[in-house]
């Protein structure tokens, strides 16, 4: 038998998507984060695929992908579902670039109980590791705004990802975001989904990449991408 026709494949995929959506809706009352959990599993598999070369899955790239898109998701979630009174502080550099700051972004990125940082740091500790100094990373990223070093993660030699965080966001966000949105009950769950994917990835890769280093890569990529102007990479804000 030959490969299914594109229309048949699309129809079958639509049936699968509808079944997943109905299952998530049925379980949401007992588990409000069921959609984020399902999205996390899919994100991890997609990140593994994106990080895989002919030599196999590259762990550092895997965590750079999840960190870059997870950080960007923190800003985009606020844009899609802003909390009452939530605003951005905008810094504009001499060359016209814009960067976004503020508590609205910091909450899902760093401060909430289910923030990207909290979920990653909790998993690092559960795996017996000491989380990296998050405050130092924040200070470094803030100081790098408007400089050529912005968005370039500081990662030990030999552990660099295949691409820069900005390139991961530019190439992957447009196709990944609709799937995350379809699974999650609210945009506010998007960063949680990425945080849960980070947790799963850390547990899976703990014998290949030290959990503390994995989390450091995540945050070195996430914090600058949470501040990035979406328009700079052609993404509608």
Protein backbone atom coordinates (compact mmCIF):
# COMPACT_ATOMS: atom_id res chain seq x y z
CA UNK A 1 0.00 0.00 0.00
CA UNK A 2 1.21 3.50 -0.76
CA UNK A 3 1.43 6.45 1.55
CA UNK A 4 -1.91 8.03 2.51
CA UNK A 5 -3.10 10.95 0.42
CA UNK A 6 -2.48 14.38 2.04
CA UNK A 7 -6.21 14.94 2.50
CA UNK A 8 -6.61 11.57 4.20
CA UNK A 9 -3.63 12.23 6.48
CA UNK A 10 -5.00 15.67 7.39
CA UNK A 11 -8.43 14.19 8.12
CA UNK A 12 -6.94 11.51 10.36
CA UNK A 13 -4.85 14.08 12.19
CA UNK A 14 -7.93 16.22 12.74
CA UNK A 15 -9.71 13.22 14.28
CA UNK A 16 -6.74 12.59 16.59
CA UNK A 17 -6.59 16.25 17.60
CA UNK A 18 -10.30 16.29 18.37
CA UNK A 19 -10.00 13.17 20.50
CA UNK A 20 -7.08 14.65 22.46
CA UNK A 21 -8.98 17.91 23.00
CA UNK A 22 -12.04 16.06 24.30
CA UNK A 23 -9.94 13.92 26.63
CA UNK A 24 -8.20 17.00 28.05
CA UNK A 25 -11.53 18.77 28.53
CA UNK A 26 -12.95 15.75 30.35
CA UNK A 27 -10.00 15.60 32.75
CA UNK A 28 -9.56 19.34 33.36
CA UNK A 29 -12.00 19.49 36.28
CA UNK A 30 -9.93 17.03 38.33
CA UNK A 31 -6.56 18.27 37.03
CA UNK A 32 -6.58 21.93 35.91
CA UNK A 33 -3.08 21.54 34.44
CA UNK A 34 -3.80 18.42 32.40
CA UNK A 35 -3.45 20.40 29.17
CA UNK A 36 -0.07 21.76 30.21
CA UNK A 37 1.05 18.24 31.12
CA UNK A 38 0.04 16.88 27.74
CA UNK A 39 1.69 19.84 26.01
CA UNK A 40 4.88 19.24 28.02
CA UNK A 41 5.17 15.66 26.78
CA UNK A 42 4.72 16.80 23.20
CA UNK A 43 7.15 19.69 23.62
CA UNK A 44 9.83 17.36 24.96
CA UNK A 45 9.42 14.99 22.03
CA UNK A 46 9.49 17.88 19.55
CA UNK A 47 12.59 19.33 21.22
CA UNK A 48 14.34 15.96 21.10
CA UNK A 49 13.57 15.71 17.41
CA UNK A 50 14.81 19.25 16.76
CA UNK A 51 18.00 18.54 18.71
CA UNK A 52 18.75 15.27 16.96
CA UNK A 53 21.45 14.94 14.32
CA UNK A 54 23.01 11.92 12.68
CA UNK A 55 24.97 11.52 15.92
CA UNK A 56 21.83 11.32 18.03
CA UNK A 57 20.05 13.76 20.33
CA UNK A 58 22.25 16.64 21.53
CA UNK A 59 21.33 17.28 25.15
CA UNK A 60 22.66 20.84 25.31
CA UNK A 61 20.61 21.83 22.26
CA UNK A 62 17.55 20.17 23.78
CA UNK A 63 17.72 22.37 26.88
CA UNK A 64 18.59 25.47 24.88
CA UNK A 65 15.46 24.91 22.79
CA UNK A 66 13.20 24.44 25.82
CA UNK A 67 14.78 27.41 27.59
CA UNK A 68 14.64 29.79 24.63
CA UNK A 69 11.03 29.02 23.75
CA UNK A 70 10.02 28.74 27.39
CA UNK A 71 11.36 32.21 28.14
CA UNK A 72 9.72 33.66 25.05
CA UNK A 73 6.46 31.97 26.09
CA UNK A 74 6.52 33.97 29.32
CA UNK A 75 6.28 37.24 27.41
CA UNK A 76 3.84 35.95 24.79
CA UNK A 77 1.54 34.51 27.46
CA UNK A 78 1.28 37.93 29.10
CA UNK A 79 0.53 39.50 25.73
CA UNK A 80 -2.24 36.99 25.02
CA UNK A 81 -3.78 36.95 28.51
CA UNK A 82 -2.61 39.98 30.48
CA UNK A 83 -3.42 40.08 34.17
CA UNK A 84 -5.21 43.11 35.53
CA UNK A 85 -2.79 46.02 35.64
CA UNK A 86 0.01 44.05 34.00
CA UNK A 87 2.33 46.27 31.99
CA UNK A 88 5.73 46.02 30.37
CA UNK A 89 8.65 48.28 31.02
CA UNK A 90 10.22 48.96 27.63
CA UNK A 91 13.88 49.78 27.16
CA UNK A 92 14.86 51.17 23.76
CA UNK A 93 18.48 51.30 22.72
CA UNK A 94 20.18 53.88 20.55
CA UNK A 95 19.90 51.63 17.49
CA UNK A 96 16.12 51.32 17.92
CA UNK A 97 15.95 47.85 19.43
CA UNK A 98 13.34 47.30 22.14
CA UNK A 99 13.52 45.02 25.18
CA UNK A 100 10.74 44.16 27.62
CA UNK A 101 10.97 43.99 31.40
CA UNK A 102 8.63 43.97 34.37
CA UNK A 103 6.87 41.89 37.00
CA UNK A 104 4.33 40.61 34.48
CA UNK A 105 7.10 38.69 32.70
CA UNK A 106 9.09 37.85 35.81
CA UNK A 107 6.17 36.07 37.45
CA UNK A 108 5.92 33.13 34.99
CA UNK A 109 9.65 33.25 34.29
CA UNK A 110 11.14 33.44 37.78
CA UNK A 111 8.78 34.12 40.65
CA UNK A 112 5.57 32.07 40.58
CA UNK A 113 5.38 28.68 42.26
CA UNK A 114 5.04 27.13 38.80
CA UNK A 115 7.42 29.49 37.02
CA UNK A 116 9.95 28.15 34.55
CA UNK A 117 12.71 28.69 37.12
CA UNK A 118 10.81 27.17 40.05
CA UNK A 119 9.94 24.01 38.14
CA UNK A 120 13.50 23.60 36.87
CA UNK A 121 15.17 24.38 40.19
CA UNK A 122 12.85 22.02 42.04
CA UNK A 123 13.74 19.21 39.66
CA UNK A 124 17.47 19.96 39.96
CA UNK A 125 17.22 19.66 43.74
CA UNK A 126 15.18 16.48 43.46
CA UNK A 127 17.97 15.03 41.33
CA UNK A 128 20.55 15.94 43.98
CA UNK A 129 21.98 19.03 42.26
CA UNK A 130 22.44 22.62 43.41
CA UNK A 131 20.64 25.04 41.08
CA UNK A 132 22.74 27.76 39.43
CA UNK A 133 22.74 31.35 40.68
CA UNK A 134 19.64 32.68 38.98
CA UNK A 135 20.14 36.26 40.26
CA UNK A 136 23.58 36.39 38.66
CA UNK A 137 22.12 35.28 35.32
CA UNK A 138 19.41 37.95 35.54
CA UNK A 139 21.98 40.64 36.28
CA UNK A 140 24.19 39.53 33.40
CA UNK A 141 21.31 39.53 30.92
CA UNK A 142 20.13 42.96 32.06
CA UNK A 143 23.66 44.34 31.67
CA UNK A 144 23.94 42.82 28.19
CA UNK A 145 20.84 44.54 26.79
CA UNK A 146 21.81 46.62 23.78
CA UNK A 147 25.22 44.97 23.46
CA UNK A 148 26.46 42.32 21.01
CA UNK A 149 26.46 39.84 23.90
CA UNK A 150 22.70 39.94 24.38
CA UNK A 151 21.12 36.53 23.84
CA UNK A 152 24.42 34.66 23.76
CA UNK A 153 24.34 32.08 26.55
CA UNK A 154 27.42 31.64 28.72
CA UNK A 155 27.93 27.91 28.54
CA UNK A 156 31.10 25.93 29.32
CA UNK A 157 33.26 25.10 26.33
CA UNK A 158 32.19 21.89 24.68
CA UNK A 159 28.59 22.23 25.81
CA UNK A 160 27.26 24.86 23.41
CA UNK A 161 23.94 24.30 21.60
CA UNK A 162 23.74 24.05 17.84
CA UNK A 163 22.02 27.43 17.47
CA UNK A 164 21.56 30.68 19.35
CA UNK A 165 18.39 31.08 21.43
CA UNK A 166 17.01 33.76 19.10
CA UNK A 167 17.35 31.42 16.13
CA UNK A 168 15.50 28.65 17.95
CA UNK A 169 12.64 31.04 18.73
CA UNK A 170 12.53 32.38 15.18
CA UNK A 171 12.41 28.96 13.56
CA UNK A 172 10.36 26.93 16.05
CA UNK A 173 7.89 29.24 17.81
CA UNK A 174 5.55 29.84 14.83
CA UNK A 175 4.88 26.12 14.38
CA UNK A 176 5.01 25.06 18.03
CA UNK A 177 2.87 27.81 19.57
CA UNK A 178 -0.46 26.70 18.00
CA UNK A 179 -0.01 23.17 19.36
CA UNK A 180 0.76 24.44 22.87
CA UNK A 181 -2.23 26.78 22.71
CA UNK A 182 -4.49 23.94 21.60
CA UNK A 183 -3.55 21.83 24.62
CA UNK A 184 -3.52 24.51 27.33
CA UNK A 185 -6.64 25.99 28.85
CA UNK A 186 -5.11 29.48 28.95
CA UNK A 187 -1.98 31.24 27.65
CA UNK A 188 -0.90 31.46 31.28
CA UNK A 189 -0.26 27.71 31.14
CA UNK A 190 2.23 28.02 28.25
CA UNK A 191 5.29 28.71 30.43
CA UNK A 192 4.18 25.94 32.79
CA UNK A 193 4.12 23.48 29.91
CA UNK A 194 7.71 24.38 29.02
CA UNK A 195 8.73 24.12 32.68
CA UNK A 196 7.23 20.65 32.94
CA UNK A 197 9.03 19.66 29.73
CA UNK A 198 12.29 20.90 31.30
CA UNK A 199 11.62 18.74 34.36
CA UNK A 200 11.02 15.66 32.24
CA UNK A 201 14.08 16.37 30.12
CA UNK A 202 16.33 16.79 33.15
CA UNK A 203 15.23 13.45 34.57
CA UNK A 204 15.68 11.75 31.22
CA UNK A 205 19.15 13.24 30.51
CA UNK A 206 20.58 13.23 34.03
CA UNK A 207 23.19 10.60 33.19
CA UNK A 208 24.24 12.47 30.03
CA UNK A 209 24.17 16.09 31.20
CA UNK A 210 24.47 17.21 34.83
CA UNK A 211 21.11 18.62 36.00
CA UNK A 212 22.71 21.85 37.25
CA UNK A 213 24.29 22.47 33.84
CA UNK A 214 21.05 21.59 32.06
CA UNK A 215 19.18 24.15 34.16
CA UNK A 216 21.90 26.73 33.63
CA UNK A 217 21.53 26.33 29.87
CA UNK A 218 17.75 26.66 30.19
CA UNK A 219 17.94 29.92 32.12
CA UNK A 220 20.82 31.42 30.11
CA UNK A 221 18.53 31.05 27.11
CA UNK A 222 15.18 31.76 28.74
CA UNK A 223 15.90 35.05 30.50
CA UNK A 224 17.07 37.01 27.42
CA UNK A 225 14.34 35.53 25.21
CA UNK A 226 11.70 36.68 27.70
CA UNK A 227 12.90 40.24 27.02
CA UNK A 228 13.18 39.96 23.23
CA UNK A 229 11.03 42.11 20.94
CA UNK A 230 8.91 39.63 18.96
CA UNK A 231 8.85 41.99 15.99
CA UNK A 232 12.63 41.79 15.76
CA UNK A 233 12.34 38.17 14.64
CA UNK A 234 9.19 38.58 12.57
CA UNK A 235 6.67 37.30 15.12
CA UNK A 236 3.42 39.19 15.63
CA UNK A 237 3.13 40.50 19.18
